Amino acid sequence: NSTEFIDKVCKMEGAEAGFAFASGMAAVYSTFVALLEAGD
């Protein structure tokens, strides 16, 4: 189910990949923390 939702949004946005989260803020937080390191 999450894969289908992600696939739809990727096609809509012209994106290659995605991940679906429990809330919008979970998406914001997880995206930033996954990419940042101390000092950034």
PDB file of all heavy atoms in Angstrom:
ATOM      1  N   ASN A   1       0.814  -1.213   0.000  1.00  0.00           N
ATOM      2  CA  ASN A   1       0.000   0.000   0.000  1.00  0.00           C
ATOM      3  C   ASN A   1       0.850   1.267   0.000  1.00  0.00           C
ATOM      4  O   ASN A   1       0.576   2.201  -0.751  1.00  0.00           O
ATOM      5  CB  ASN A   1      -0.948   0.011   1.194  1.00  0.00           C
ATOM      6  CG  ASN A   1      -1.995  -1.079   1.133  1.00  0.00           C
ATOM      7  OD1 ASN A   1      -2.157  -1.854   2.074  1.00  0.00           O
ATOM      8  ND2 ASN A   1      -2.722  -1.178   0.023  1.00  0.00           N
ATOM      9  N   SER A   2       1.879   1.306   0.838  1.00  0.00           N
ATOM     10  CA  SER A   2       2.746   2.489   0.848  1.00  0.00           C
ATOM     11  C   SER A   2       3.515   2.599  -0.461  1.00  0.00           C
ATOM     12  O   SER A   2       3.731   3.711  -0.970  1.00  0.00           O
ATOM     13  CB  SER A   2       3.693   2.464   2.045  1.00  0.00           C
ATOM     14  OG  SER A   2       4.478   1.302   2.059  1.00  0.00           O
ATOM     15  N   THR A   3       3.893   1.464  -1.042  1.00  0.00           N
ATOM     16  CA  THR A   3       4.600   1.490  -2.327  1.00  0.00           C
ATOM     17  C   THR A   3       3.726   2.087  -3.419  1.00  0.00           C
ATOM     18  O   THR A   3       4.194   2.901  -4.234  1.00  0.00           O
ATOM     19  CB  THR A   3       5.046   0.071  -2.720  1.00  0.00           C
ATOM     20  OG1 THR A   3       5.980  -0.407  -1.744  1.00  0.00           O
ATOM     21  CG2 THR A   3       5.706   0.052  -4.088  1.00  0.00           C
ATOM     22  N   GLU A   4       2.453   1.715  -3.447  1.00  0.00           N
ATOM     23  CA  GLU A   4       1.552   2.276  -4.456  1.00  0.00           C
ATOM     24  C   GLU A   4       1.409   3.781  -4.285  1.00  0.00           C
ATOM     25  O   GLU A   4       1.467   4.545  -5.261  1.00  0.00           O
ATOM     26  CB  GLU A   4       0.188   1.600  -4.365  1.00  0.00           C
ATOM     27  CG  GLU A   4      -0.807   2.123  -5.400  1.00  0.00           C
ATOM     28  CD  GLU A   4      -2.146   1.420  -5.338  1.00  0.00           C
ATOM     29  OE1 GLU A   4      -2.198   0.241  -5.749  1.00  0.00           O
ATOM     30  OE2 GLU A   4      -3.138   2.038  -4.881  1.00  0.00           O
ATOM     31  N   PHE A   5       1.227   4.230  -3.035  1.00  0.00           N
ATOM     32  CA  PHE A   5       1.113   5.666  -2.754  1.00  0.00           C
ATOM     33  C   PHE A   5       2.380   6.408  -3.197  1.00  0.00           C
ATOM     34  O   PHE A   5       2.315   7.445  -3.873  1.00  0.00           O
ATOM     35  CB  PHE A   5       0.848   5.864  -1.263  1.00  0.00           C
ATOM     36  CG  PHE A   5       0.901   7.289  -0.791  1.00  0.00           C
ATOM     37  CD1 PHE A   5       0.141   8.278  -1.395  1.00  0.00           C
ATOM     38  CD2 PHE A   5       1.711   7.648   0.284  1.00  0.00           C
ATOM     39  CE1 PHE A   5       0.182   9.588  -0.951  1.00  0.00           C
ATOM     40  CE2 PHE A   5       1.767   8.955   0.729  1.00  0.00           C
ATOM     41  CZ  PHE A   5       1.001   9.925   0.111  1.00  0.00           C
ATOM     42  N   ILE A   6       3.537   5.857  -2.845  1.00  0.00           N
ATOM     43  CA  ILE A   6       4.812   6.483  -3.229  1.00  0.00           C
ATOM     44  C   ILE A   6       4.953   6.539  -4.742  1.00  0.00           C
ATOM     45  O   ILE A   6       5.356   7.567  -5.314  1.00  0.00           O
ATOM     46  CB  ILE A   6       5.998   5.721  -2.600  1.00  0.00           C
ATOM     47  CG1 ILE A   6       6.010   5.896  -1.081  1.00  0.00           C
ATOM     48  CG2 ILE A   6       7.326   6.188  -3.193  1.00  0.00           C
ATOM     49  CD1 ILE A   6       6.881   4.893  -0.354  1.00  0.00           C
ATOM     50  N   ASP A   7       4.638   5.445  -5.414  1.00  0.00           N
ATOM     51  CA  ASP A   7       4.764   5.407  -6.883  1.00  0.00           C
ATOM     52  C   ASP A   7       3.894   6.478  -7.537  1.00  0.00           C
ATOM     53  O   ASP A   7       4.318   7.137  -8.499  1.00  0.00           O
ATOM     54  CB  ASP A   7       4.368   4.030  -7.416  1.00  0.00           C
ATOM     55  CG  ASP A   7       5.413   2.961  -7.133  1.00  0.00           C
ATOM     56  OD1 ASP A   7       6.537   3.330  -6.730  1.00  0.00           O
ATOM     57  OD2 ASP A   7       5.103   1.769  -7.312  1.00  0.00           O
ATOM     58  N   LYS A   8       2.689   6.665  -7.027  1.00  0.00           N
ATOM     59  CA  LYS A   8       1.808   7.693  -7.597  1.00  0.00           C
ATOM     60  C   LYS A   8       2.404   9.085  -7.436  1.00  0.00           C
ATOM     61  O   LYS A   8       2.434   9.878  -8.384  1.00  0.00           O
ATOM     62  CB  LYS A   8       0.430   7.639  -6.934  1.00  0.00           C
ATOM     63  CG  LYS A   8      -0.446   6.508  -7.409  1.00  0.00           C
ATOM     64  CD  LYS A   8      -1.871   6.630  -6.866  1.00  0.00           C
ATOM     65  CE  LYS A   8      -2.709   5.449  -7.361  1.00  0.00           C
ATOM     66  NZ  LYS A   8      -4.125   5.542  -6.929  1.00  0.00           N
ATOM     67  N   VAL A   9       2.871   9.391  -6.221  1.00  0.00           N
ATOM     68  CA  VAL A   9       3.409  10.733  -5.976  1.00  0.00           C
ATOM     69  C   VAL A   9       4.683  10.959  -6.788  1.00  0.00           C
ATOM     70  O   VAL A   9       4.899  12.058  -7.312  1.00  0.00           O
ATOM     71  CB  VAL A   9       3.641  10.961  -4.472  1.00  0.00           C
ATOM     72  CG1 VAL A   9       4.248  12.347  -4.226  1.00  0.00           C
ATOM     73  CG2 VAL A   9       2.336  10.827  -3.693  1.00  0.00           C
ATOM     74  N   CYS A  10       5.510   9.931  -6.922  1.00  0.00           N
ATOM     75  CA  CYS A  10       6.720  10.068  -7.747  1.00  0.00           C
ATOM     76  C   CYS A  10       6.363  10.407  -9.188  1.00  0.00           C
ATOM     77  O   CYS A  10       6.995  11.266  -9.813  1.00  0.00           O
ATOM     78  CB  CYS A  10       7.550   8.783  -7.694  1.00  0.00           C
ATOM     79  SG  CYS A  10       8.489   8.570  -6.171  1.00  0.00           S
ATOM     80  N   LYS A  11       5.361   9.731  -9.742  1.00  0.00           N
ATOM     81  CA  LYS A  11       4.948  10.030 -11.114  1.00  0.00           C
ATOM     82  C   LYS A  11       4.374  11.435 -11.218  1.00  0.00           C
ATOM     83  O   LYS A  11       4.626  12.162 -12.185  1.00  0.00           O
ATOM     84  CB  LYS A  11       3.930   8.994 -11.590  1.00  0.00           C
ATOM     85  CG  LYS A  11       4.552   7.637 -11.872  1.00  0.00           C
ATOM     86  CD  LYS A  11       3.539   6.634 -12.389  1.00  0.00           C
ATOM     87  CE  LYS A  11       4.218   5.292 -12.689  1.00  0.00           C
ATOM     88  NZ  LYS A  11       3.259   4.291 -13.210  1.00  0.00           N
ATOM     89  N   MET A  12       3.613  11.847 -10.207  1.00  0.00           N
ATOM     90  CA  MET A  12       3.025  13.181 -10.212  1.00  0.00           C
ATOM     91  C   MET A  12       4.081  14.278 -10.130  1.00  0.00           C
ATOM     92  O   MET A  12       3.962  15.323 -10.771  1.00  0.00           O
ATOM     93  CB  MET A  12       2.065  13.326  -9.028  1.00  0.00           C
ATOM     94  CG  MET A  12       0.803  12.490  -9.143  1.00  0.00           C
ATOM     95  SD  MET A  12      -0.153  12.573  -7.596  1.00  0.00           S
ATOM     96  CE  MET A  12      -1.711  11.855  -8.151  1.00  0.00           C
ATOM     97  N   GLU A  13       5.124  14.046  -9.340  1.00  0.00           N
ATOM     98  CA  GLU A  13       6.156  15.060  -9.112  1.00  0.00           C
ATOM     99  C   GLU A  13       7.338  14.956 -10.084  1.00  0.00           C
ATOM    100  O   GLU A  13       8.194  15.832 -10.109  1.00  0.00           O
ATOM    101  CB  GLU A  13       6.695  14.965  -7.671  1.00  0.00           C
ATOM    102  CG  GLU A  13       5.722  15.442  -6.600  1.00  0.00           C
ATOM    103  CD  GLU A  13       5.632  16.957  -6.508  1.00  0.00           C
ATOM    104  OE1 GLU A  13       6.158  17.660  -7.400  1.00  0.00           O
ATOM    105  OE2 GLU A  13       5.016  17.442  -5.543  1.00  0.00           O
ATOM    106  N   GLY A  14       7.405  13.875 -10.853  1.00  0.00           N
ATOM    107  CA  GLY A  14       8.565  13.663 -11.726  1.00  0.00           C
ATOM    108  C   GLY A  14       9.795  13.262 -10.943  1.00  0.00           C
ATOM    109  O   GLY A  14      10.915  13.644 -11.277  1.00  0.00           O
ATOM    110  N   ALA A  15       9.581  12.472  -9.874  1.00  0.00           N
ATOM    111  CA  ALA A  15      10.682  12.048  -8.992  1.00  0.00           C
ATOM    112  C   ALA A  15      11.068  10.602  -9.276  1.00  0.00           C
ATOM    113  O   ALA A  15      10.309   9.836  -9.882  1.00  0.00           O
ATOM    114  CB  ALA A  15      10.254  12.196  -7.533  1.00  0.00           C
ATOM    115  N   GLU A  16      12.265  10.236  -8.808  1.00  0.00           N
ATOM    116  CA  GLU A  16      12.780   8.883  -9.027  1.00  0.00           C
ATOM    117  C   GLU A  16      12.403   7.921  -7.904  1.00  0.00           C
ATOM    118  O   GLU A  16      12.239   6.721  -8.140  1.00  0.00           O
ATOM    119  CB  GLU A  16      14.311   8.931  -9.160  1.00  0.00           C
ATOM    120  CG  GLU A  16      14.790   9.698 -10.367  1.00  0.00           C
ATOM    121  CD  GLU A  16      16.295   9.886 -10.408  1.00  0.00           C
ATOM    122  OE1 GLU A  16      16.965   9.707  -9.360  1.00  0.00           O
ATOM    123  OE2 GLU A  16      16.819  10.226 -11.490  1.00  0.00           O
ATOM    124  N   ALA A  17      12.318   8.423  -6.685  1.00  0.00           N
ATOM    125  CA  ALA A  17      12.072   7.543  -5.534  1.00  0.00           C
ATOM    126  C   ALA A  17      11.434   8.346  -4.416  1.00  0.00           C
ATOM    127  O   ALA A  17      11.419   9.583  -4.436  1.00  0.00           O
ATOM    128  CB  ALA A  17      13.381   6.919  -5.052  1.00  0.00           C
ATOM    129  N   GLY A  18      10.887   7.636  -3.417  1.00  0.00           N
ATOM    130  CA  GLY A  18      10.262   8.326  -2.298  1.00  0.00           C
ATOM    131  C   GLY A  18      10.134   7.438  -1.081  1.00  0.00           C
ATOM    132  O   GLY A  18      10.432   6.240  -1.129  1.00  0.00           O
ATOM    133  N   PHE A  19       9.692   8.033   0.015  1.00  0.00           N
ATOM    134  CA  PHE A  19       9.381   7.281   1.238  1.00  0.00           C
ATOM    135  C   PHE A  19       8.190   7.954   1.891  1.00  0.00           C
ATOM    136  O   PHE A  19       8.099   9.184   1.929  1.00  0.00           O
ATOM    137  CB  PHE A  19      10.569   7.250   2.208  1.00  0.00           C
ATOM    138  CG  PHE A  19      10.392   6.263   3.331  1.00  0.00           C
ATOM    139  CD1 PHE A  19      10.693   4.924   3.146  1.00  0.00           C
ATOM    140  CD2 PHE A  19       9.893   6.662   4.572  1.00  0.00           C
ATOM    141  CE1 PHE A  19      10.506   3.991   4.166  1.00  0.00           C
ATOM    142  CE2 PHE A  19       9.705   5.748   5.599  1.00  0.00           C
ATOM    143  CZ  PHE A  19      10.014   4.403   5.394  1.00  0.00           C
ATOM    144  N   ALA A  20       7.270   7.136   2.416  1.00  0.00           N
ATOM    145  CA  ALA A  20       6.043   7.654   3.025  1.00  0.00           C
ATOM    146  C   ALA A  20       6.138   7.582   4.547  1.00  0.00           C
ATOM    147  O   ALA A  20       6.582   6.572   5.102  1.00  0.00           O
ATOM    148  CB  ALA A  20       4.838   6.863   2.533  1.00  0.00           C
ATOM    149  N   PHE A  21       5.690   8.648   5.207  1.00  0.00           N
ATOM    150  CA  PHE A  21       5.864   8.813   6.647  1.00  0.00           C
ATOM    151  C   PHE A  21       4.519   8.902   7.370  1.00  0.00           C
ATOM    152  O   PHE A  21       3.484   9.172   6.775  1.00  0.00           O
ATOM    153  CB  PHE A  21       6.659  10.083   6.930  1.00  0.00           C
ATOM    154  CG  PHE A  21       8.043  10.082   6.360  1.00  0.00           C
ATOM    155  CD1 PHE A  21       8.283  10.525   5.059  1.00  0.00           C
ATOM    156  CD2 PHE A  21       9.118   9.631   7.117  1.00  0.00           C
ATOM    157  CE1 PHE A  21       9.562  10.519   4.533  1.00  0.00           C
ATOM    158  CE2 PHE A  21      10.400   9.620   6.587  1.00  0.00           C
ATOM    159  CZ  PHE A  21      10.629  10.058   5.298  1.00  0.00           C
ATOM    160  N   ALA A  22       4.581   8.750   8.696  1.00  0.00           N
ATOM    161  CA  ALA A  22       3.374   8.759   9.524  1.00  0.00           C
ATOM    162  C   ALA A  22       2.730  10.134   9.624  1.00  0.00           C
ATOM    163  O   ALA A  22       1.559  10.245   9.978  1.00  0.00           O
ATOM    164  CB  ALA A  22       3.712   8.236  10.921  1.00  0.00           C
ATOM    165  N   SER A  23       3.466  11.206   9.330  1.00  0.00           N
ATOM    166  CA  SER A  23       2.916  12.562   9.347  1.00  0.00           C
ATOM    167  C   SER A  23       3.803  13.458   8.498  1.00  0.00           C
ATOM    168  O   SER A  23       4.931  13.083   8.143  1.00  0.00           O
ATOM    169  CB  SER A  23       2.841  13.112  10.778  1.00  0.00           C
ATOM    170  OG  SER A  23       4.149  13.375  11.273  1.00  0.00           O
ATOM    171  N   GLY A  24       3.304  14.652   8.209  1.00  0.00           N
ATOM    172  CA  GLY A  24       4.107  15.605   7.449  1.00  0.00           C
ATOM    173  C   GLY A  24       5.366  16.009   8.189  1.00  0.00           C
ATOM    174  O   GLY A  24       6.442  16.127   7.603  1.00  0.00           O
ATOM    175  N   MET A  25       5.253  16.233   9.501  1.00  0.00           N
ATOM    176  CA  MET A  25       6.438  16.615  10.266  1.00  0.00           C
ATOM    177  C   MET A  25       7.432  15.468  10.396  1.00  0.00           C
ATOM    178  O   MET A  25       8.644  15.696  10.498  1.00  0.00           O
ATOM    179  CB  MET A  25       6.029  17.146  11.644  1.00  0.00           C
ATOM    180  CG  MET A  25       5.500  18.569  11.624  1.00  0.00           C
ATOM    181  SD  MET A  25       6.525  19.759  10.708  1.00  0.00           S
ATOM    182  CE  MET A  25       8.099  19.610  11.562  1.00  0.00           C
ATOM    183  N   ALA A  26       6.958  14.221  10.401  1.00  0.00           N
ATOM    184  CA  ALA A  26       7.885  13.086  10.375  1.00  0.00           C
ATOM    185  C   ALA A  26       8.692  13.109   9.086  1.00  0.00           C
ATOM    186  O   ALA A  26       9.889  12.793   9.079  1.00  0.00           O
ATOM    187  CB  ALA A  26       7.125  11.768  10.502  1.00  0.00           C
ATOM    188  N   ALA A  27       8.056  13.504   7.989  1.00  0.00           N
ATOM    189  CA  ALA A  27       8.767  13.615   6.710  1.00  0.00           C
ATOM    190  C   ALA A  27       9.812  14.725   6.764  1.00  0.00           C
ATOM    191  O   ALA A  27      10.957  14.541   6.322  1.00  0.00           O
ATOM    192  CB  ALA A  27       7.769  13.873   5.581  1.00  0.00           C
ATOM    193  N   VAL A  28       9.436  15.888   7.302  1.00  0.00           N
ATOM    194  CA  VAL A  28      10.376  17.007   7.399  1.00  0.00           C
ATOM    195  C   VAL A  28      11.570  16.620   8.273  1.00  0.00           C
ATOM    196  O   VAL A  28      12.732  16.748   7.872  1.00  0.00           O
ATOM    197  CB  VAL A  28       9.677  18.259   7.963  1.00  0.00           C
ATOM    198  CG1 VAL A  28      10.695  19.371   8.235  1.00  0.00           C
ATOM    199  CG2 VAL A  28       8.603  18.755   7.000  1.00  0.00           C
ATOM    200  N   TYR A  29      11.281  16.137   9.475  1.00  0.00           N
ATOM    201  CA  TYR A  29      12.352  15.790  10.417  1.00  0.00           C
ATOM    202  C   TYR A  29      13.268  14.707   9.850  1.00  0.00           C
ATOM    203  O   TYR A  29      14.497  14.861   9.841  1.00  0.00           O
ATOM    204  CB  TYR A  29      11.751  15.326  11.743  1.00  0.00           C
ATOM    205  CG  TYR A  29      12.779  14.780  12.708  1.00  0.00           C
ATOM    206  CD1 TYR A  29      13.595  15.639  13.447  1.00  0.00           C
ATOM    207  CD2 TYR A  29      12.972  13.408  12.859  1.00  0.00           C
ATOM    208  CE1 TYR A  29      14.555  15.146  14.312  1.00  0.00           C
ATOM    209  CE2 TYR A  29      13.923  12.905  13.724  1.00  0.00           C
ATOM    210  CZ  TYR A  29      14.710  13.780  14.445  1.00  0.00           C
ATOM    211  OH  TYR A  29      15.667  13.283  15.297  1.00  0.00           O
ATOM    212  N   SER A  30      12.698  13.623   9.381  1.00  0.00           N
ATOM    213  CA  SER A  30      13.507  12.485   8.929  1.00  0.00           C
ATOM    214  C   SER A  30      14.346  12.850   7.717  1.00  0.00           C
ATOM    215  O   SER A  30      15.497  12.412   7.597  1.00  0.00           O
ATOM    216  CB  SER A  30      12.599  11.297   8.587  1.00  0.00           C
ATOM    217  OG  SER A  30      11.861  10.897   9.721  1.00  0.00           O
ATOM    218  N   THR A  31      13.778  13.643   6.814  1.00  0.00           N
ATOM    219  CA  THR A  31      14.527  14.044   5.616  1.00  0.00           C
ATOM    220  C   THR A  31      15.759  14.857   5.995  1.00  0.00           C
ATOM    221  O   THR A  31      16.866  14.605   5.509  1.00  0.00           O
ATOM    222  CB  THR A  31      13.614  14.848   4.672  1.00  0.00           C
ATOM    223  OG1 THR A  31      12.505  14.024   4.282  1.00  0.00           O
ATOM    224  CG2 THR A  31      14.370  15.302   3.439  1.00  0.00           C
ATOM    225  N   PHE A  32      15.570  15.826   6.877  1.00  0.00           N
ATOM    226  CA  PHE A  32      16.701  16.664   7.281  1.00  0.00           C
ATOM    227  C   PHE A  32      17.748  15.859   8.049  1.00  0.00           C
ATOM    228  O   PHE A  32      18.950  15.953   7.767  1.00  0.00           O
ATOM    229  CB  PHE A  32      16.203  17.839   8.129  1.00  0.00           C
ATOM    230  CG  PHE A  32      15.762  19.023   7.313  1.00  0.00           C
ATOM    231  CD1 PHE A  32      14.458  19.125   6.858  1.00  0.00           C
ATOM    232  CD2 PHE A  32      16.658  20.023   6.988  1.00  0.00           C
ATOM    233  CE1 PHE A  32      14.053  20.196   6.102  1.00  0.00           C
ATOM    234  CE2 PHE A  32      16.269  21.109   6.231  1.00  0.00           C
ATOM    235  CZ  PHE A  32      14.949  21.200   5.779  1.00  0.00           C
ATOM    236  N   VAL A  33      17.317  15.075   9.014  1.00  0.00           N
ATOM    237  CA  VAL A  33      18.278  14.354   9.854  1.00  0.00           C
ATOM    238  C   VAL A  33      19.039  13.304   9.053  1.00  0.00           C
ATOM    239  O   VAL A  33      20.212  13.054   9.304  1.00  0.00           O
ATOM    240  CB  VAL A  33      17.562  13.726  11.073  1.00  0.00           C
ATOM    241  CG1 VAL A  33      18.526  12.894  11.894  1.00  0.00           C
ATOM    242  CG2 VAL A  33      16.954  14.816  11.942  1.00  0.00           C
ATOM    243  N   ALA A  34      18.377  12.715   8.068  1.00  0.00           N
ATOM    244  CA  ALA A  34      19.056  11.721   7.232  1.00  0.00           C
ATOM    245  C   ALA A  34      20.190  12.336   6.421  1.00  0.00           C
ATOM    246  O   ALA A  34      21.178  11.656   6.096  1.00  0.00           O
ATOM    247  CB  ALA A  34      18.054  11.064   6.290  1.00  0.00           C
ATOM    248  N   LEU A  35      20.070  13.624   6.104  1.00  0.00           N
ATOM    249  CA  LEU A  35      21.038  14.267   5.211  1.00  0.00           C
ATOM    250  C   LEU A  35      22.073  15.122   5.938  1.00  0.00           C
ATOM    251  O   LEU A  35      23.133  15.422   5.382  1.00  0.00           O
ATOM    252  CB  LEU A  35      20.290  15.153   4.200  1.00  0.00           C
ATOM    253  CG  LEU A  35      19.288  14.429   3.294  1.00  0.00           C
ATOM    254  CD1 LEU A  35      18.504  15.442   2.475  1.00  0.00           C
ATOM    255  CD2 LEU A  35      19.998  13.444   2.382  1.00  0.00           C
ATOM    256  N   LEU A  36      21.781  15.530   7.181  1.00  0.00           N
ATOM    257  CA  LEU A  36      22.656  16.461   7.893  1.00  0.00           C
ATOM    258  C   LEU A  36      23.665  15.748   8.791  1.00  0.00           C
ATOM    259  O   LEU A  36      23.423  14.640   9.268  1.00  0.00           O
ATOM    260  CB  LEU A  36      21.815  17.404   8.754  1.00  0.00           C
ATOM    261  CG  LEU A  36      20.946  18.416   8.012  1.00  0.00           C
ATOM    262  CD1 LEU A  36      19.939  19.050   8.962  1.00  0.00           C
ATOM    263  CD2 LEU A  36      21.814  19.495   7.355  1.00  0.00           C
ATOM    264  N   GLU A  37      24.770  16.429   9.038  1.00  0.00           N
ATOM    265  CA  GLU A  37      25.769  15.986  10.010  1.00  0.00           C
ATOM    266  C   GLU A  37      26.038  17.136  10.966  1.00  0.00           C
ATOM    267  O   GLU A  37      25.735  18.306  10.667  1.00  0.00           O
ATOM    268  CB  GLU A  37      27.062  15.571   9.299  1.00  0.00           C
ATOM    269  CG  GLU A  37      26.887  14.394   8.344  1.00  0.00           C
ATOM    270  CD  GLU A  37      28.161  14.082   7.578  1.00  0.00           C
ATOM    271  OE1 GLU A  37      29.232  14.614   7.962  1.00  0.00           O
ATOM    272  OE2 GLU A  37      28.086  13.320   6.599  1.00  0.00           O
ATOM    273  N   ALA A  38      26.598  16.829  12.130  1.00  0.00           N
ATOM    274  CA  ALA A  38      26.932  17.866  13.105  1.00  0.00           C
ATOM    275  C   ALA A  38      27.818  18.927  12.451  1.00  0.00           C
ATOM    276  O   ALA A  38      28.774  18.601  11.750  1.00  0.00           O
ATOM    277  CB  ALA A  38      27.645  17.252  14.307  1.00  0.00           C
ATOM    278  N   GLY A  39      27.462  20.186  12.674  1.00  0.00           N
ATOM    279  CA  GLY A  39      28.225  21.284  12.093  1.00  0.00           C
ATOM    280  C   GLY A  39      27.647  21.822  10.804  1.00  0.00           C
ATOM    281  O   GLY A  39      28.080  22.872  10.317  1.00  0.00           O
ATOM    282  N   ASP A  40      26.677  21.118  10.221  1.00  0.00           N
ATOM    283  CA  ASP A  40      26.079  21.578   8.971  1.00  0.00           C
ATOM    284  C   ASP A  40      25.204  22.805   9.199  1.00  0.00           C
ATOM    285  O   ASP A  40      24.795  23.111  10.320  1.00  0.00           O
ATOM    286  CB  ASP A  40      25.252  20.465   8.316  1.00  0.00           C
ATOM    287  CG  ASP A  40      26.114  19.428   7.608  1.00  0.00           C
ATOM    288  OD1 ASP A  40      27.304  19.714   7.362  1.00  0.00           O
ATOM    289  OD2 ASP A  40      25.596  18.335   7.302  1.00  0.00           O
TER     290      ASP A  40
END
